[in-house]
Amino acid sequence: QVQPVESGGGLVQAGGSLKLSCAASERIFSFYSMAWFRQAPGKERDFVAGIAWNGATLYAEVVKGRSTISKDNAKSAVYLQMNSLKPEDTAVYYCAVKDSAFGNIEYSPATYKYWGQGTQVTVSS
């Protein structure tokens, strides 16, 4: 299975925390960089955070300091821990796999080939 599968979204009050999970195949996980994107209604799909095949990480400014991306090699899973959530963090969050092995993390969604179905995160004020 190449397509990643997300879980962990939900409804949370402002200031709260959520941890999103993304499961991927072992082959993909070992050699491909992965990232989280989000898309709010009527808006473009935006980069949130990424983790490279070698463990390097990159964050969007809007979540830097509030979020942590990590991966568990044994479980072939990527996680996004989000803290101090704000109503503007409300969106569908997608896990994505880079379009080529050993590729760098990039901000553009066009450079990611495989996408999960998305998980809804709603932050109430």
PDB file of N, CA and C in Angstrom:
ATOM      1  N   GLN A   1       0.843  -1.197   0.000  1.00  0.00           N
ATOM      2  CA  GLN A   1       0.000   0.000   0.000  1.00  0.00           C
ATOM      3  C   GLN A   1       0.877   1.245   0.000  1.00  0.00           C
ATOM      4  N   VAL A   2       0.674   2.097  -1.014  1.00  0.00           N
ATOM      5  CA  VAL A   2       1.477   3.300  -1.122  1.00  0.00           C
ATOM      6  C   VAL A   2       0.770   4.483  -0.467  1.00  0.00           C
ATOM      7  N   GLN A   3      -0.536   4.549  -0.620  1.00  0.00           N
ATOM      8  CA  GLN A   3      -1.267   5.693  -0.105  1.00  0.00           C
ATOM      9  C   GLN A   3      -1.197   5.730   1.417  1.00  0.00           C
ATOM     10  N   PRO A   4      -0.786   6.876   1.972  1.00  0.00           N
ATOM     11  CA  PRO A   4      -0.736   6.986   3.429  1.00  0.00           C
ATOM     12  C   PRO A   4      -2.146   7.076   4.010  1.00  0.00           C
ATOM     13  N   VAL A   5      -2.272   6.736   5.277  1.00  0.00           N
ATOM     14  CA  VAL A   5      -3.553   6.751   5.964  1.00  0.00           C
ATOM     15  C   VAL A   5      -3.416   7.581   7.238  1.00  0.00           C
ATOM     16  N   GLU A   6      -4.230   8.659   7.322  1.00  0.00           N
ATOM     17  CA  GLU A   6      -4.173   9.542   8.483  1.00  0.00           C
ATOM     18  C   GLU A   6      -5.211   9.148   9.523  1.00  0.00           C
ATOM     19  N   SER A   7      -4.940   9.561  10.752  1.00  0.00           N
ATOM     20  CA  SER A   7      -5.899   9.415  11.843  1.00  0.00           C
ATOM     21  C   SER A   7      -5.556  10.424  12.926  1.00  0.00           C
ATOM     22  N   GLY A   8      -6.501  10.633  13.840  1.00  0.00           N
ATOM     23  CA  GLY A   8      -6.213  11.470  14.994  1.00  0.00           C
ATOM     24  C   GLY A   8      -6.853  12.833  15.004  1.00  0.00           C
ATOM     25  N   GLY A   9      -7.570  13.191  13.953  1.00  0.00           N
ATOM     26  CA  GLY A   9      -8.235  14.484  13.958  1.00  0.00           C
ATOM     27  C   GLY A   9      -9.404  14.500  14.928  1.00  0.00           C
ATOM     28  N   GLY A  10      -9.990  15.685  15.093  1.00  0.00           N
ATOM     29  CA  GLY A  10     -11.124  15.792  15.986  1.00  0.00           C
ATOM     30  C   GLY A  10     -11.428  17.225  16.339  1.00  0.00           C
ATOM     31  N   LEU A  11     -12.288  17.386  17.334  1.00  0.00           N
ATOM     32  CA  LEU A  11     -12.703  18.701  17.816  1.00  0.00           C
ATOM     33  C   LEU A  11     -11.979  18.997  19.114  1.00  0.00           C
ATOM     34  N   VAL A  12     -11.383  20.168  19.193  1.00  0.00           N
ATOM     35  CA  VAL A  12     -10.645  20.550  20.387  1.00  0.00           C
ATOM     36  C   VAL A  12     -10.853  22.033  20.646  1.00  0.00           C
ATOM     37  N   GLN A  13     -10.791  22.425  21.886  1.00  0.00           N
ATOM     38  CA  GLN A  13     -10.923  23.839  22.225  1.00  0.00           C
ATOM     39  C   GLN A  13      -9.611  24.568  21.969  1.00  0.00           C
ATOM     40  N   ALA A  14      -9.719  25.853  21.737  1.00  0.00           N
ATOM     41  CA  ALA A  14      -8.528  26.675  21.550  1.00  0.00           C
ATOM     42  C   ALA A  14      -7.593  26.513  22.756  1.00  0.00           C
ATOM     43  N   GLY A  15      -6.316  26.377  22.451  1.00  0.00           N
ATOM     44  CA  GLY A  15      -5.325  26.143  23.498  1.00  0.00           C
ATOM     45  C   GLY A  15      -5.030  24.680  23.744  1.00  0.00           C
ATOM     46  N   GLY A  16      -5.853  23.815  23.167  1.00  0.00           N
ATOM     47  CA  GLY A  16      -5.675  22.389  23.363  1.00  0.00           C
ATOM     48  C   GLY A  16      -4.653  21.784  22.421  1.00  0.00           C
ATOM     49  N   SER A  17      -4.564  20.451  22.471  1.00  0.00           N
ATOM     50  CA  SER A  17      -3.577  19.724  21.678  1.00  0.00           C
ATOM     51  C   SER A  17      -4.219  18.550  20.947  1.00  0.00           C
ATOM     52  N   LEU A  18      -3.596  18.183  19.846  1.00  0.00           N
ATOM     53  CA  LEU A  18      -3.979  16.995  19.095  1.00  0.00           C
ATOM     54  C   LEU A  18      -2.727  16.363  18.530  1.00  0.00           C
ATOM     55  N   LYS A  19      -2.768  15.051  18.351  1.00  0.00           N
ATOM     56  CA  LYS A  19      -1.666  14.350  17.706  1.00  0.00           C
ATOM     57  C   LYS A  19      -2.217  13.578  16.522  1.00  0.00           C
ATOM     58  N   LEU A  20      -1.767  13.943  15.348  1.00  0.00           N
ATOM     59  CA  LEU A  20      -2.167  13.268  14.122  1.00  0.00           C
ATOM     60  C   LEU A  20      -1.162  12.171  13.794  1.00  0.00           C
ATOM     61  N   SER A  21      -1.679  11.098  13.226  1.00  0.00           N
ATOM     62  CA  SER A  21      -0.825   9.975  12.840  1.00  0.00           C
ATOM     63  C   SER A  21      -0.990   9.691  11.358  1.00  0.00           C
ATOM     64  N   CYS A  22       0.076   9.213  10.750  1.00  0.00           N
ATOM     65  CA  CYS A  22       0.042   8.855   9.335  1.00  0.00           C
ATOM     66  C   CYS A  22       0.811   7.549   9.177  1.00  0.00           C
ATOM     67  N   ALA A  23       0.126   6.544   8.681  1.00  0.00           N
ATOM     68  CA  ALA A  23       0.755   5.241   8.465  1.00  0.00           C
ATOM     69  C   ALA A  23       1.082   5.089   6.989  1.00  0.00           C
ATOM     70  N   ALA A  24       2.276   4.573   6.714  1.00  0.00           N
ATOM     71  CA  ALA A  24       2.695   4.377   5.331  1.00  0.00           C
ATOM     72  C   ALA A  24       3.394   3.035   5.211  1.00  0.00           C
ATOM     73  N   SER A  25       3.563   2.586   3.993  1.00  0.00           N
ATOM     74  CA  SER A  25       4.249   1.319   3.791  1.00  0.00           C
ATOM     75  C   SER A  25       5.712   1.450   4.216  1.00  0.00           C
ATOM     76  N   GLU A  26       6.288   0.338   4.619  1.00  0.00           N
ATOM     77  CA  GLU A  26       7.667   0.352   5.105  1.00  0.00           C
ATOM     78  C   GLU A  26       8.630   0.822   4.016  1.00  0.00           C
ATOM     79  N   ARG A  27       8.359   0.421   2.778  1.00  0.00           N
ATOM     80  CA  ARG A  27       9.248   0.810   1.676  1.00  0.00           C
ATOM     81  C   ARG A  27       9.223   2.327   1.474  1.00  0.00           C
ATOM     82  N   ILE A  28       8.032   2.882   1.499  1.00  0.00           N
ATOM     83  CA  ILE A  28       7.890   4.323   1.328  1.00  0.00           C
ATOM     84  C   ILE A  28       8.548   5.050   2.497  1.00  0.00           C
ATOM     85  N   PHE A  29       8.283   4.585   3.662  1.00  0.00           N
ATOM     86  CA  PHE A  29       8.723   5.258   4.865  1.00  0.00           C
ATOM     87  C   PHE A  29      10.229   5.356   4.923  1.00  0.00           C
ATOM     88  N   SER A  30      10.914   4.371   4.462  1.00  0.00           N
ATOM     89  CA  SER A  30      12.371   4.323   4.602  1.00  0.00           C
ATOM     90  C   SER A  30      13.087   5.261   3.637  1.00  0.00           C
ATOM     91  N   PHE A  31      12.509   5.518   2.478  1.00  0.00           N
ATOM     92  CA  PHE A  31      13.248   6.216   1.436  1.00  0.00           C
ATOM     93  C   PHE A  31      12.619   7.532   0.965  1.00  0.00           C
ATOM     94  N   TYR A  32      11.419   7.828   1.452  1.00  0.00           N
ATOM     95  CA  TYR A  32      10.729   9.008   0.957  1.00  0.00           C
ATOM     96  C   TYR A  32      10.474  10.017   2.073  1.00  0.00           C
ATOM     97  N   SER A  33      10.645  11.278   1.730  1.00  0.00           N
ATOM     98  CA  SER A  33      10.263  12.334   2.654  1.00  0.00           C
ATOM     99  C   SER A  33       8.745  12.436   2.686  1.00  0.00           C
ATOM    100  N   MET A  34       8.226  12.862   3.829  1.00  0.00           N
ATOM    101  CA  MET A  34       6.782  12.969   3.998  1.00  0.00           C
ATOM    102  C   MET A  34       6.444  14.302   4.638  1.00  0.00           C
ATOM    103  N   ALA A  35       5.216  14.729   4.451  1.00  0.00           N
ATOM    104  CA  ALA A  35       4.818  16.031   4.972  1.00  0.00           C
ATOM    105  C   ALA A  35       3.348  16.050   5.330  1.00  0.00           C
ATOM    106  N   TRP A  36       2.998  17.015   6.170  1.00  0.00           N
ATOM    107  CA  TRP A  36       1.605  17.316   6.493  1.00  0.00           C
ATOM    108  C   TRP A  36       1.229  18.630   5.809  1.00  0.00           C
ATOM    109  N   PHE A  37       0.076  18.617   5.185  1.00  0.00           N
ATOM    110  CA  PHE A  37      -0.518  19.815   4.609  1.00  0.00           C
ATOM    111  C   PHE A  37      -1.888  20.003   5.249  1.00  0.00           C
ATOM    112  N   ARG A  38      -2.436  21.186   5.084  1.00  0.00           N
ATOM    113  CA  ARG A  38      -3.802  21.420   5.547  1.00  0.00           C
ATOM    114  C   ARG A  38      -4.530  22.305   4.552  1.00  0.00           C
ATOM    115  N   GLN A  39      -5.843  22.131   4.532  1.00  0.00           N
ATOM    116  CA  GLN A  39      -6.670  22.902   3.621  1.00  0.00           C
ATOM    117  C   GLN A  39      -7.963  23.284   4.321  1.00  0.00           C
ATOM    118  N   ALA A  40      -8.160  24.587   4.460  1.00  0.00           N
ATOM    119  CA  ALA A  40      -9.396  25.106   5.028  1.00  0.00           C
ATOM    120  C   ALA A  40     -10.377  25.366   3.883  1.00  0.00           C
ATOM    121  N   PRO A  41     -11.677  25.416   4.168  1.00  0.00           N
ATOM    122  CA  PRO A  41     -12.671  25.644   3.114  1.00  0.00           C
ATOM    123  C   PRO A  41     -12.383  26.918   2.336  1.00  0.00           C
ATOM    124  N   GLY A  42     -12.356  26.786   1.019  1.00  0.00           N
ATOM    125  CA  GLY A  42     -12.151  27.942   0.165  1.00  0.00           C
ATOM    126  C   GLY A  42     -10.717  28.422   0.064  1.00  0.00           C
ATOM    127  N   LYS A  43      -9.803  27.686   0.660  1.00  0.00           N
ATOM    128  CA  LYS A  43      -8.397  28.101   0.645  1.00  0.00           C
ATOM    129  C   LYS A  43      -7.530  27.035  -0.015  1.00  0.00           C
ATOM    130  N   GLU A  44      -6.316  27.422  -0.328  1.00  0.00           N
ATOM    131  CA  GLU A  44      -5.382  26.494  -0.942  1.00  0.00           C
ATOM    132  C   GLU A  44      -4.840  25.504   0.090  1.00  0.00           C
ATOM    133  N   ARG A  45      -4.270  24.440  -0.422  1.00  0.00           N
ATOM    134  CA  ARG A  45      -3.646  23.449   0.443  1.00  0.00           C
ATOM    135  C   ARG A  45      -2.248  23.954   0.826  1.00  0.00           C
ATOM    136  N   ASP A  46      -2.017  24.107   2.110  1.00  0.00           N
ATOM    137  CA  ASP A  46      -0.781  24.704   2.604  1.00  0.00           C
ATOM    138  C   ASP A  46       0.102  23.702   3.341  1.00  0.00           C
ATOM    139  N   PHE A  47       1.393  23.874   3.183  1.00  0.00           N
ATOM    140  CA  PHE A  47       2.376  23.073   3.894  1.00  0.00           C
ATOM    141  C   PHE A  47       2.330  23.381   5.381  1.00  0.00           C
ATOM    142  N   VAL A  48       2.417  22.342   6.215  1.00  0.00           N
ATOM    143  CA  VAL A  48       2.424  22.521   7.667  1.00  0.00           C
ATOM    144  C   VAL A  48       3.787  22.118   8.233  1.00  0.00           C
ATOM    145  N   ALA A  49       4.193  20.899   7.945  1.00  0.00           N
ATOM    146  CA  ALA A  49       5.474  20.393   8.455  1.00  0.00           C
ATOM    147  C   ALA A  49       5.888  19.191   7.626  1.00  0.00           C
ATOM    148  N   GLY A  50       7.201  18.966   7.552  1.00  0.00           N
ATOM    149  CA  GLY A  50       7.703  17.835   6.803  1.00  0.00           C
ATOM    150  C   GLY A  50       8.854  17.169   7.511  1.00  0.00           C
ATOM    151  N   ILE A  51       9.036  15.886   7.222  1.00  0.00           N
ATOM    152  CA  ILE A  51      10.170  15.149   7.768  1.00  0.00           C
ATOM    153  C   ILE A  51      10.807  14.363   6.632  1.00  0.00           C
ATOM    154  N   ALA A  52      12.078  14.564   6.466  1.00  0.00           N
ATOM    155  CA  ALA A  52      12.795  13.938   5.357  1.00  0.00           C
ATOM    156  C   ALA A  52      13.096  12.476   5.657  1.00  0.00           C
ATOM    157  N   TRP A  53      13.475  11.768   4.616  1.00  0.00           N
ATOM    158  CA  TRP A  53      13.810  10.350   4.746  1.00  0.00           C
ATOM    159  C   TRP A  53      14.940  10.155   5.761  1.00  0.00           C
ATOM    160  N   ASN A  54      15.803  11.188   5.917  1.00  0.00           N
ATOM    161  CA  ASN A  54      16.927  11.092   6.854  1.00  0.00           C
ATOM    162  C   ASN A  54      16.618  11.710   8.214  1.00  0.00           C
ATOM    163  N   GLY A  55      15.372  12.131   8.425  1.00  0.00           N
ATOM    164  CA  GLY A  55      14.971  12.665   9.721  1.00  0.00           C
ATOM    165  C   GLY A  55      14.992  14.172   9.848  1.00  0.00           C
ATOM    166  N   ALA A  56      15.493  14.877   8.860  1.00  0.00           N
ATOM    167  CA  ALA A  56      15.469  16.336   8.912  1.00  0.00           C
ATOM    168  C   ALA A  56      14.030  16.836   8.897  1.00  0.00           C
ATOM    169  N   THR A  57      13.788  17.961   9.575  1.00  0.00           N
ATOM    170  CA  THR A  57      12.421  18.484   9.663  1.00  0.00           C
ATOM    171  C   THR A  57      12.341  19.919   9.167  1.00  0.00           C
ATOM    172  N   LEU A  58      11.133  20.314   8.787  1.00  0.00           N
ATOM    173  CA  LEU A  58      10.873  21.662   8.305  1.00  0.00           C
ATOM    174  C   LEU A  58       9.457  22.023   8.709  1.00  0.00           C
ATOM    175  N   TYR A  59       9.261  23.270   9.161  1.00  0.00           N
ATOM    176  CA  TYR A  59       7.954  23.717   9.621  1.00  0.00           C
ATOM    177  C   TYR A  59       7.543  25.001   8.929  1.00  0.00           C
ATOM    178  N   ALA A  60       6.247  25.140   8.726  1.00  0.00           N
ATOM    179  CA  ALA A  60       5.709  26.416   8.286  1.00  0.00           C
ATOM    180  C   ALA A  60       5.780  27.391   9.461  1.00  0.00           C
ATOM    181  N   GLU A  61       5.961  28.660   9.149  1.00  0.00           N
ATOM    182  CA  GLU A  61       6.078  29.663  10.204  1.00  0.00           C
ATOM    183  C   GLU A  61       4.854  29.703  11.105  1.00  0.00           C
ATOM    184  N   VAL A  62       3.690  29.456  10.541  1.00  0.00           N
ATOM    185  CA  VAL A  62       2.451  29.582  11.322  1.00  0.00           C
ATOM    186  C   VAL A  62       2.319  28.516  12.399  1.00  0.00           C
ATOM    187  N   VAL A  63       3.083  27.437  12.309  1.00  0.00           N
ATOM    188  CA  VAL A  63       2.989  26.385  13.319  1.00  0.00           C
ATOM    189  C   VAL A  63       4.302  26.180  14.070  1.00  0.00           C
ATOM    190  N   LYS A  64       5.348  26.852  13.636  1.00  0.00           N
ATOM    191  CA  LYS A  64       6.653  26.674  14.253  1.00  0.00           C
ATOM    192  C   LYS A  64       6.585  27.035  15.732  1.00  0.00           C
ATOM    193  N   GLY A  65       7.128  26.163  16.575  1.00  0.00           N
ATOM    194  CA  GLY A  65       7.088  26.382  18.012  1.00  0.00           C
ATOM    195  C   GLY A  65       5.858  25.796  18.676  1.00  0.00           C
ATOM    196  N   ARG A  66       4.846  25.474  17.886  1.00  0.00           N
ATOM    197  CA  ARG A  66       3.605  24.885  18.429  1.00  0.00           C
ATOM    198  C   ARG A  66       3.425  23.442  17.999  1.00  0.00           C
ATOM    199  N   SER A  67       4.175  23.033  16.995  1.00  0.00           N
ATOM    200  CA  SER A  67       3.981  21.692  16.435  1.00  0.00           C
ATOM    201  C   SER A  67       5.304  20.951  16.331  1.00  0.00           C
ATOM    202  N   THR A  68       5.207  19.629  16.408  1.00  0.00           N
ATOM    203  CA  THR A  68       6.390  18.777  16.265  1.00  0.00           C
ATOM    204  C   THR A  68       6.054  17.609  15.360  1.00  0.00           C
ATOM    205  N   ILE A  69       6.866  17.441  14.320  1.00  0.00           N
ATOM    206  CA  ILE A  69       6.696  16.293  13.440  1.00  0.00           C
ATOM    207  C   ILE A  69       7.757  15.260  13.808  1.00  0.00           C
ATOM    208  N   SER A  70       7.376  14.017  13.813  1.00  0.00           N
ATOM    209  CA  SER A  70       8.301  12.955  14.185  1.00  0.00           C
ATOM    210  C   SER A  70       7.916  11.690  13.438  1.00  0.00           C
ATOM    211  N   LYS A  71       8.795  10.698  13.494  1.00  0.00           N
ATOM    212  CA  LYS A  71       8.452   9.428  12.867  1.00  0.00           C
ATOM    213  C   LYS A  71       8.948   8.267  13.719  1.00  0.00           C
ATOM    214  N   ASP A  72       8.261   7.166  13.581  1.00  0.00           N
ATOM    215  CA  ASP A  72       8.591   5.948  14.297  1.00  0.00           C
ATOM    216  C   ASP A  72       8.951   4.909  13.255  1.00  0.00           C
ATOM    217  N   ASN A  73      10.221   4.615  13.149  1.00  0.00           N
ATOM    218  CA  ASN A  73      10.671   3.681  12.118  1.00  0.00           C
ATOM    219  C   ASN A  73      10.057   2.298  12.292  1.00  0.00           C
ATOM    220  N   ALA A  74       9.919   1.873  13.523  1.00  0.00           N
ATOM    221  CA  ALA A  74       9.401   0.531  13.782  1.00  0.00           C
ATOM    222  C   ALA A  74       7.955   0.387  13.339  1.00  0.00           C
ATOM    223  N   LYS A  75       7.210   1.481  13.417  1.00  0.00           N
ATOM    224  CA  LYS A  75       5.787   1.433  13.058  1.00  0.00           C
ATOM    225  C   LYS A  75       5.511   2.011  11.675  1.00  0.00           C
ATOM    226  N   SER A  76       6.553   2.485  10.998  1.00  0.00           N
ATOM    227  CA  SER A  76       6.369   3.124   9.687  1.00  0.00           C
ATOM    228  C   SER A  76       5.301   4.205   9.764  1.00  0.00           C
ATOM    229  N   ALA A  77       5.407   5.048  10.760  1.00  0.00           N
ATOM    230  CA  ALA A  77       4.396   6.069  10.994  1.00  0.00           C
ATOM    231  C   ALA A  77       5.041   7.433  11.199  1.00  0.00           C
ATOM    232  N   VAL A  78       4.328   8.448  10.778  1.00  0.00           N
ATOM    233  CA  VAL A  78       4.721   9.841  10.980  1.00  0.00           C
ATOM    234  C   VAL A  78       3.657  10.503  11.841  1.00  0.00           C
ATOM    235  N   TYR A  79       4.087  11.338  12.748  1.00  0.00           N
ATOM    236  CA  TYR A  79       3.160  11.986  13.673  1.00  0.00           C
ATOM    237  C   TYR A  79       3.294  13.509  13.581  1.00  0.00           C
ATOM    238  N   LEU A  80       2.211  14.185  13.870  1.00  0.00           N
ATOM    239  CA  LEU A  80       2.228  15.631  13.994  1.00  0.00           C
ATOM    240  C   LEU A  80       1.564  15.989  15.310  1.00  0.00           C
ATOM    241  N   GLN A  81       2.365  16.402  16.269  1.00  0.00           N
ATOM    242  CA  GLN A  81       1.864  16.852  17.550  1.00  0.00           C
ATOM    243  C   GLN A  81       1.604  18.345  17.470  1.00  0.00           C
ATOM    244  N   MET A  82       0.378  18.738  17.696  1.00  0.00           N
ATOM    245  CA  MET A  82       0.013  20.151  17.603  1.00  0.00           C
ATOM    246  C   MET A  82      -0.463  20.638  18.970  1.00  0.00           C
ATOM    247  N   ASN A  83       0.164  21.693  19.454  1.00  0.00           N
ATOM    248  CA  ASN A  83      -0.163  22.275  20.748  1.00  0.00           C
ATOM    249  C   ASN A  83      -0.634  23.716  20.576  1.00  0.00           C
ATOM    250  N   SER A  84      -1.198  24.254  21.624  1.00  0.00           N
ATOM    251  CA  SER A  84      -1.669  25.644  21.611  1.00  0.00           C
ATOM    252  C   SER A  84      -2.486  25.930  20.357  1.00  0.00           C
ATOM    253  N   LEU A  85      -3.419  25.047  20.083  1.00  0.00           N
ATOM    254  CA  LEU A  85      -4.201  25.166  18.852  1.00  0.00           C
ATOM    255  C   LEU A  85      -5.068  26.413  18.865  1.00  0.00           C
ATOM    256  N   LYS A  86      -5.248  26.974  17.657  1.00  0.00           N
ATOM    257  CA  LYS A  86      -6.030  28.188  17.458  1.00  0.00           C
ATOM    258  C   LYS A  86      -7.174  27.889  16.502  1.00  0.00           C
ATOM    259  N   PRO A  87      -8.236  28.673  16.563  1.00  0.00           N
ATOM    260  CA  PRO A  87      -9.336  28.453  15.606  1.00  0.00           C
ATOM    261  C   PRO A  87      -8.872  28.481  14.154  1.00  0.00           C
ATOM    262  N   GLU A  88      -7.871  29.263  13.844  1.00  0.00           N
ATOM    263  CA  GLU A  88      -7.370  29.328  12.472  1.00  0.00           C
ATOM    264  C   GLU A  88      -6.599  28.071  12.044  1.00  0.00           C
ATOM    265  N   ASP A  89      -6.368  27.164  12.966  1.00  0.00           N
ATOM    266  CA  ASP A  89      -5.768  25.881  12.610  1.00  0.00           C
ATOM    267  C   ASP A  89      -6.817  24.896  12.082  1.00  0.00           C
ATOM    268  N   THR A  90      -8.080  25.284  12.145  1.00  0.00           N
ATOM    269  CA  THR A  90      -9.146  24.426  11.655  1.00  0.00           C
ATOM    270  C   THR A  90      -8.988  24.171  10.164  1.00  0.00           C
ATOM    271  N   ALA A  91      -8.945  22.901   9.789  1.00  0.00           N
ATOM    272  CA  ALA A  91      -8.740  22.516   8.390  1.00  0.00           C
ATOM    273  C   ALA A  91      -8.778  20.993   8.291  1.00  0.00           C
ATOM    274  N   VAL A  92      -8.789  20.517   7.060  1.00  0.00           N
ATOM    275  CA  VAL A  92      -8.536  19.103   6.819  1.00  0.00           C
ATOM    276  C   VAL A  92      -7.025  18.946   6.673  1.00  0.00           C
ATOM    277  N   TYR A  93      -6.472  18.032   7.428  1.00  0.00           N
ATOM    278  CA  TYR A  93      -5.030  17.800   7.415  1.00  0.00           C
ATOM    279  C   TYR A  93      -4.729  16.542   6.599  1.00  0.00           C
ATOM    280  N   TYR A  94      -3.774  16.694   5.691  1.00  0.00           N
ATOM    281  CA  TYR A  94      -3.406  15.612   4.793  1.00  0.00           C
ATOM    282  C   TYR A  94      -1.950  15.198   5.008  1.00  0.00           C
ATOM    283  N   CYS A  95      -1.721  13.911   4.929  1.00  0.00           N
ATOM    284  CA  CYS A  95      -0.369  13.367   4.924  1.00  0.00           C
ATOM    285  C   CYS A  95       0.011  13.092   3.475  1.00  0.00           C
ATOM    286  N   ALA A  96       1.242  13.420   3.109  1.00  0.00           N
ATOM    287  CA  ALA A  96       1.660  13.271   1.726  1.00  0.00           C
ATOM    288  C   ALA A  96       3.061  12.676   1.652  1.00  0.00           C
ATOM    289  N   VAL A  97       3.283  11.954   0.582  1.00  0.00           N
ATOM    290  CA  VAL A  97       4.564  11.314   0.330  1.00  0.00           C
ATOM    291  C   VAL A  97       5.221  11.979  -0.873  1.00  0.00           C
ATOM    292  N   LYS A  98       6.496  12.296  -0.738  1.00  0.00           N
ATOM    293  CA  LYS A  98       7.233  12.975  -1.803  1.00  0.00           C
ATOM    294  C   LYS A  98       7.239  12.178  -3.098  1.00  0.00           C
ATOM    295  N   ASP A  99       7.442  12.862  -4.226  1.00  0.00           N
ATOM    296  CA  ASP A  99       7.322  12.214  -5.526  1.00  0.00           C
ATOM    297  C   ASP A  99       8.526  11.390  -5.940  1.00  0.00           C
ATOM    298  N   SER A 100       9.628  11.467  -5.199  1.00  0.00           N
ATOM    299  CA  SER A 100      10.792  10.661  -5.548  1.00  0.00           C
ATOM    300  C   SER A 100      11.569  10.291  -4.287  1.00  0.00           C
ATOM    301  N   ALA A 101      12.243   9.169  -4.374  1.00  0.00           N
ATOM    302  CA  ALA A 101      13.022   8.704  -3.226  1.00  0.00           C
ATOM    303  C   ALA A 101      14.169   9.669  -2.936  1.00  0.00           C
ATOM    304  N   PHE A 102      14.479   9.815  -1.666  1.00  0.00           N
ATOM    305  CA  PHE A 102      15.589  10.664  -1.192  1.00  0.00           C
ATOM    306  C   PHE A 102      15.404  12.138  -1.566  1.00  0.00           C
ATOM    307  N   GLY A 103      14.174  12.530  -1.871  1.00  0.00           N
ATOM    308  CA  GLY A 103      13.927  13.926  -2.199  1.00  0.00           C
ATOM    309  C   GLY A 103      13.847  14.797  -0.961  1.00  0.00           C
ATOM    310  N   ASN A 104      14.113  16.091  -1.145  1.00  0.00           N
ATOM    311  CA  ASN A 104      14.036  17.033  -0.034  1.00  0.00           C
ATOM    312  C   ASN A 104      12.583  17.367   0.298  1.00  0.00           C
ATOM    313  N   ILE A 105      12.374  17.859   1.493  1.00  0.00           N
ATOM    314  CA  ILE A 105      11.070  18.379   1.860  1.00  0.00           C
ATOM    315  C   ILE A 105      10.861  19.664   1.065  1.00  0.00           C
ATOM    316  N   GLU A 106       9.677  19.819   0.516  1.00  0.00           N
ATOM    317  CA  GLU A 106       9.369  21.040  -0.222  1.00  0.00           C
ATOM    318  C   GLU A 106       8.005  21.574   0.195  1.00  0.00           C
ATOM    319  N   TYR A 107       7.826  22.873   0.044  1.00  0.00           N
ATOM    320  CA  TYR A 107       6.571  23.502   0.443  1.00  0.00           C
ATOM    321  C   TYR A 107       5.430  23.255  -0.538  1.00  0.00           C
ATOM    322  N   SER A 108       5.759  23.019  -1.805  1.00  0.00           N
ATOM    323  CA  SER A 108       4.729  22.903  -2.828  1.00  0.00           C
ATOM    324  C   SER A 108       4.056  21.544  -2.797  1.00  0.00           C
ATOM    325  N   PRO A 109       2.720  21.513  -2.723  1.00  0.00           N
ATOM    326  CA  PRO A 109       2.018  20.232  -2.753  1.00  0.00           C
ATOM    327  C   PRO A 109       2.198  19.495  -4.078  1.00  0.00           C
ATOM    328  N   ALA A 110       2.565  20.220  -5.127  1.00  0.00           N
ATOM    329  CA  ALA A 110       2.725  19.595  -6.444  1.00  0.00           C
ATOM    330  C   ALA A 110       3.901  18.621  -6.487  1.00  0.00           C
ATOM    331  N   THR A 111       4.777  18.707  -5.515  1.00  0.00           N
ATOM    332  CA  THR A 111       5.950  17.827  -5.496  1.00  0.00           C
ATOM    333  C   THR A 111       5.730  16.568  -4.663  1.00  0.00           C
ATOM    334  N   TYR A 112       4.517  16.354  -4.234  1.00  0.00           N
ATOM    335  CA  TYR A 112       4.153  15.157  -3.474  1.00  0.00           C
ATOM    336  C   TYR A 112       3.218  14.315  -4.316  1.00  0.00           C
ATOM    337  N   LYS A 113       3.494  13.018  -4.329  1.00  0.00           N
ATOM    338  CA  LYS A 113       2.788  12.138  -5.267  1.00  0.00           C
ATOM    339  C   LYS A 113       1.621  11.398  -4.637  1.00  0.00           C
ATOM    340  N   TYR A 114       1.770  10.961  -3.390  1.00  0.00           N
ATOM    341  CA  TYR A 114       0.737  10.145  -2.754  1.00  0.00           C
ATOM    342  C   TYR A 114       0.140  10.905  -1.586  1.00  0.00           C
ATOM    343  N   TRP A 115      -1.190  10.866  -1.504  1.00  0.00           N
ATOM    344  CA  TRP A 115      -1.907  11.628  -0.504  1.00  0.00           C
ATOM    345  C   TRP A 115      -2.870  10.733   0.251  1.00  0.00           C
ATOM    346  N   GLY A 116      -3.012  11.022   1.537  1.00  0.00           N
ATOM    347  CA  GLY A 116      -4.024  10.347   2.312  1.00  0.00           C
ATOM    348  C   GLY A 116      -5.383  10.971   2.075  1.00  0.00           C
ATOM    349  N   GLN A 117      -6.384  10.416   2.739  1.00  0.00           N
ATOM    350  CA  GLN A 117      -7.754  10.891   2.535  1.00  0.00           C
ATOM    351  C   GLN A 117      -8.060  12.142   3.350  1.00  0.00           C
ATOM    352  N   GLY A 118      -7.199  12.465   4.290  1.00  0.00           N
ATOM    353  CA  GLY A 118      -7.378  13.657   5.112  1.00  0.00           C
ATOM    354  C   GLY A 118      -8.097  13.358   6.414  1.00  0.00           C
ATOM    355  N   THR A 119      -7.800  14.162   7.422  1.00  0.00           N
ATOM    356  CA  THR A 119      -8.478  14.057   8.712  1.00  0.00           C
ATOM    357  C   THR A 119      -8.840  15.459   9.184  1.00  0.00           C
ATOM    358  N   GLN A 120     -10.076  15.620   9.630  1.00  0.00           N
ATOM    359  CA  GLN A 120     -10.581  16.939   9.996  1.00  0.00           C
ATOM    360  C   GLN A 120     -10.090  17.342  11.385  1.00  0.00           C
ATOM    361  N   VAL A 121      -9.567  18.554  11.476  1.00  0.00           N
ATOM    362  CA  VAL A 121      -9.221  19.157  12.760  1.00  0.00           C
ATOM    363  C   VAL A 121     -10.061  20.417  12.913  1.00  0.00           C
ATOM    364  N   THR A 122     -10.814  20.488  13.986  1.00  0.00           N
ATOM    365  CA  THR A 122     -11.655  21.645  14.254  1.00  0.00           C
ATOM    366  C   THR A 122     -11.307  22.194  15.622  1.00  0.00           C
ATOM    367  N   VAL A 123     -10.962  23.477  15.647  1.00  0.00           N
ATOM    368  CA  VAL A 123     -10.597  24.131  16.898  1.00  0.00           C
ATOM    369  C   VAL A 123     -11.657  25.174  17.214  1.00  0.00           C
ATOM    370  N   SER A 124     -12.317  25.001  18.326  1.00  0.00           N
ATOM    371  CA  SER A 124     -13.381  25.921  18.718  1.00  0.00           C
ATOM    372  C   SER A 124     -12.819  27.034  19.597  1.00  0.00           C
ATOM    373  N   SER A 125     -13.426  28.195  19.469  1.00  0.00           N
ATOM    374  CA  SER A 125     -12.949  29.355  20.249  1.00  0.00           C
ATOM    375  C   SER A 125     -13.623  29.439  21.610  1.00  0.00           C
TER     376      SER A 125
END
